[in-house]
Amino acid sequence: MKRFKLSLGCCGLLLAFPRASLAKISLDVGAYRESLAQSQMVAKRGLWSGVGRIRLDVPVGPVAFEPSLALCTPRPLDSEGTRLAFTALTGLDFAFPLSSWLRLRVGPGVELSLAVSEERAVVLRNGESSSVFYSPGGSAFSLRFLVEAGLEFPLGEGYSLGVDFFVSELFAERTRRLHTLGYLGMSL
C-alpha cells in the first residue's frame, strides 16, 4: 500500500509540474583544481585531477534546478604516491539564463573526500648511523559544505563549456578555500 501511495505521489508531482518531465541529463568532463592554499601541502602533480559529472537539468519556470554528482580521479598527496585522495562533489544548483550565450549557476554543495595512505618505514641518516621512522597507514574521511557559483556557455546543440567555483568555509577567513572546475558539457 505504501508503494502505491508513493507511486501515486510521484505521478501527482509530474502532473503538477509538467515541465519537470522535460528534464535533460548532461555529462560533464573536465579538470578539478584544489585551492592554492592547499597546494603548498600536496605534491605538485596532485593539484589537478580529472572529473566526470552527471547533471540533471529540470526546468522550473525561467530557471532550471540542476542537481549534480561529480567524481574526481584519485590524486597523489605526496611525491612518492603513498597517499591518495578520492573526491566526490554534489551540488544542488539553480541555473539562471543571463543571455542566449551565458548561464549563471549558483547553489549549495558538499565535498566528500577520502585520503588513504600506506604504512611504510623510512630509513634516515642520524649522524654516523641511521634510524628507522614509520609513517602511519590508514584513511581519513572529510565532509565539507560548499557554496558554488559557475558560468556556462552553450556551444551549440547539446554542448556547453563552463567553469565552476567552489568555496568551502565561506565565513572563516583563515580556512576559506577556493576550488575550480572547468568542463565540457554534453547532453545525453
Protein backbone atom coordinates (compact mmCIF):
# COMPACT_ATOMS: atom_id res chain seq x y z
CA MET A 1 0.00 0.00 0.00
CA LYS A 2 2.88 2.36 0.82
CA ARG A 3 4.43 1.75 -2.61
CA PHE A 4 1.13 2.58 -4.29
CA LYS A 5 0.86 5.85 -2.35
CA LEU A 6 4.47 6.72 -3.21
CA SER A 7 3.88 5.98 -6.91
CA LEU A 8 0.67 8.00 -6.88
CA GLY A 9 2.50 10.88 -5.19
CA CYS A 10 5.29 10.86 -7.81
CA CYS A 11 2.75 10.83 -10.65
CA GLY A 12 0.93 13.70 -8.97
CA LEU A 13 4.15 15.72 -8.86
CA LEU A 14 4.77 15.10 -12.56
CA LEU A 15 1.22 16.23 -13.37
CA ALA A 16 1.53 19.28 -11.14
CA PHE A 17 4.86 20.22 -12.77
CA PRO A 18 4.54 19.01 -16.37
CA ARG A 19 7.78 20.74 -17.40
CA ALA A 20 9.71 18.64 -14.88
CA SER A 21 9.25 15.68 -17.20
CA LEU A 22 11.25 17.62 -19.80
CA ALA A 23 14.43 17.20 -17.75
CA LYS A 24 17.73 16.76 -19.58
CA ILE A 25 20.73 14.78 -18.44
CA SER A 26 24.21 16.16 -19.10
CA LEU A 27 27.63 14.58 -18.78
CA ASP A 28 30.46 16.98 -17.96
CA VAL A 29 34.12 16.04 -18.32
CA GLY A 30 36.98 18.27 -17.30
CA ALA A 31 39.54 19.12 -14.66
CA TYR A 32 39.23 19.93 -10.95
CA ARG A 33 41.85 22.03 -9.15
CA GLU A 34 42.45 22.16 -5.43
CA SER A 35 42.85 25.57 -3.83
CA LEU A 36 46.16 27.37 -3.92
CA ALA A 37 46.36 27.36 -0.12
CA GLN A 38 46.19 23.57 -0.13
CA SER A 39 48.70 23.29 -2.98
CA GLN A 40 51.52 24.03 -0.55
CA MET A 41 50.67 20.80 1.31
CA VAL A 42 50.41 18.43 -1.65
CA ALA A 43 52.71 17.21 -4.38
CA LYS A 44 52.92 19.38 -7.48
CA ARG A 45 51.37 16.66 -9.63
CA GLY A 46 48.48 16.37 -7.17
CA LEU A 47 46.96 19.79 -7.81
CA TRP A 48 44.78 18.72 -10.73
CA SER A 49 42.51 15.76 -11.19
CA GLY A 50 40.17 14.69 -13.94
CA VAL A 51 36.48 14.87 -13.22
CA GLY A 52 33.29 13.35 -14.56
CA ARG A 53 29.96 14.84 -13.54
CA ILE A 54 26.35 13.92 -14.23
CA ARG A 55 23.86 16.78 -14.09
CA LEU A 56 20.08 16.75 -14.26
CA ASP A 57 18.57 19.91 -15.78
CA VAL A 58 14.94 20.36 -14.61
CA PRO A 59 13.19 23.50 -15.96
CA VAL A 60 11.24 25.35 -13.25
CA GLY A 61 9.78 28.45 -14.85
CA PRO A 62 12.50 30.73 -16.22
CA VAL A 63 15.25 29.00 -14.20
CA ALA A 64 16.45 25.40 -14.00
CA PHE A 65 17.12 23.20 -11.00
CA GLU A 66 20.36 21.26 -11.55
CA PRO A 67 21.31 18.58 -9.02
CA SER A 68 24.67 17.00 -9.85
CA LEU A 69 27.19 14.37 -8.78
CA ALA A 70 30.88 14.58 -9.73
CA LEU A 71 33.66 12.05 -9.19
CA CYS A 72 37.31 13.05 -9.41
CA THR A 73 40.17 10.77 -10.39
CA PRO A 74 42.38 9.81 -7.42
CA ARG A 75 45.28 12.22 -6.95
CA PRO A 76 48.55 11.77 -5.02
CA LEU A 77 49.04 13.79 -1.84
CA ASP A 78 52.80 13.28 -1.67
CA SER A 79 55.70 12.98 -4.10
CA GLU A 80 56.08 9.22 -3.53
CA GLY A 81 52.45 8.45 -4.30
CA THR A 82 51.90 6.63 -0.99
CA ARG A 83 48.97 8.88 -0.04
CA LEU A 84 45.97 9.22 -2.36
CA ALA A 85 42.87 11.41 -2.19
CA PHE A 86 39.49 10.40 -3.59
CA THR A 87 36.95 13.22 -4.02
CA ALA A 88 33.23 13.38 -4.84
CA LEU A 89 31.20 16.58 -5.22
CA THR A 90 27.45 17.01 -5.06
CA GLY A 91 25.54 20.15 -5.92
CA LEU A 92 22.00 21.49 -5.79
CA ASP A 93 22.30 24.41 -8.19
CA PHE A 94 19.88 26.77 -9.84
CA ALA A 95 20.74 27.98 -13.35
CA PHE A 96 19.69 31.45 -14.48
CA PRO A 97 19.89 32.38 -18.17
CA LEU A 98 21.65 35.75 -18.39
CA SER A 99 21.55 35.80 -22.20
CA SER A 100 21.31 33.34 -25.08
CA TRP A 101 25.02 32.57 -24.72
CA LEU A 102 25.52 32.67 -20.94
CA ARG A 103 24.01 30.93 -17.87
CA LEU A 104 24.78 31.62 -14.21
CA ARG A 105 24.71 28.60 -11.89
CA VAL A 106 24.61 29.06 -8.08
CA GLY A 107 23.78 26.85 -5.14
CA PRO A 108 24.99 24.79 -2.20
CA GLY A 109 27.12 21.69 -2.43
CA VAL A 110 29.01 19.06 -0.47
CA GLU A 111 32.54 17.75 -0.97
CA LEU A 112 33.30 14.22 0.26
CA SER A 113 37.00 13.35 0.49
CA LEU A 114 38.77 10.17 1.44
CA ALA A 115 42.54 10.22 1.99
CA VAL A 116 44.26 6.84 2.06
CA SER A 117 47.90 6.21 2.96
CA GLU A 118 50.01 3.09 3.15
CA GLU A 119 52.15 2.32 6.16
CA ARG A 120 55.85 2.31 5.44
CA ALA A 121 59.26 2.54 7.04
CA VAL A 122 61.67 5.33 6.17
CA VAL A 123 65.38 4.99 6.92
CA LEU A 124 67.04 8.35 7.64
CA ARG A 125 70.64 9.11 8.46
CA ASN A 126 71.26 10.10 12.05
CA GLY A 127 74.85 11.35 12.21
CA GLU A 128 77.13 8.31 11.87
CA SER A 129 74.27 5.81 11.90
CA SER A 130 70.75 5.61 10.53
CA SER A 131 67.36 5.34 12.19
CA VAL A 132 64.09 3.85 11.04
CA PHE A 133 61.00 6.05 11.18
CA TYR A 134 57.49 4.86 10.42
CA SER A 135 54.77 6.71 8.57
CA PRO A 136 51.33 5.58 9.68
CA GLY A 137 48.87 3.99 7.31
CA GLY A 138 45.13 4.37 7.31
CA SER A 139 42.36 6.50 5.95
CA ALA A 140 40.64 9.76 6.82
CA PHE A 141 37.20 10.90 5.68
CA SER A 142 36.09 14.54 5.45
CA LEU A 143 32.86 16.28 4.59
CA ARG A 144 32.79 19.96 3.64
CA PHE A 145 29.86 22.15 2.80
CA LEU A 146 30.38 24.38 -0.23
CA VAL A 147 28.90 27.38 -1.95
CA GLU A 148 29.08 27.04 -5.71
CA ALA A 149 28.92 29.62 -8.49
CA GLY A 150 29.61 29.00 -12.14
CA LEU A 151 29.27 30.28 -15.68
CA GLU A 152 28.18 28.10 -18.57
CA PHE A 153 28.48 28.97 -22.25
CA PRO A 154 26.31 26.95 -24.67
CA LEU A 155 28.38 26.00 -27.74
CA GLY A 156 25.63 24.61 -29.89
CA GLU A 157 23.05 21.87 -29.83
CA GLY A 158 23.87 19.65 -26.88
CA TYR A 159 27.31 21.07 -25.96
CA SER A 160 28.48 23.65 -23.44
CA LEU A 161 31.67 24.95 -21.89
CA GLY A 162 31.77 26.02 -18.27
CA VAL A 163 33.71 26.92 -15.18
CA ASP A 164 32.54 26.43 -11.58
CA PHE A 165 33.99 27.88 -8.39
CA PHE A 166 33.51 26.12 -5.06
CA VAL A 167 34.12 27.96 -1.78
CA SER A 168 34.43 25.98 1.43
CA GLU A 169 34.16 27.53 4.88
CA LEU A 170 32.84 30.76 3.43
CA PHE A 171 32.64 32.68 6.71
CA ALA A 172 36.01 31.54 8.14
CA GLU A 173 38.59 33.85 6.62
CA ARG A 174 41.65 31.88 7.76
CA THR A 175 40.46 28.49 6.49
CA ARG A 176 38.42 29.53 3.42
CA ARG A 177 39.35 27.62 0.25
CA LEU A 178 38.52 28.21 -3.40
CA HIS A 179 38.43 25.23 -5.79
CA THR A 180 37.78 25.41 -9.54
CA LEU A 181 36.26 23.04 -12.06
CA GLY A 182 36.48 23.54 -15.83
CA TYR A 183 34.37 21.30 -18.04
CA LEU A 184 32.93 20.45 -21.43
CA GLY A 185 29.27 19.50 -21.10
CA MET A 186 27.38 17.12 -23.38
CA SER A 187 23.64 16.46 -23.31
CA LEU A 188 22.75 12.77 -23.28
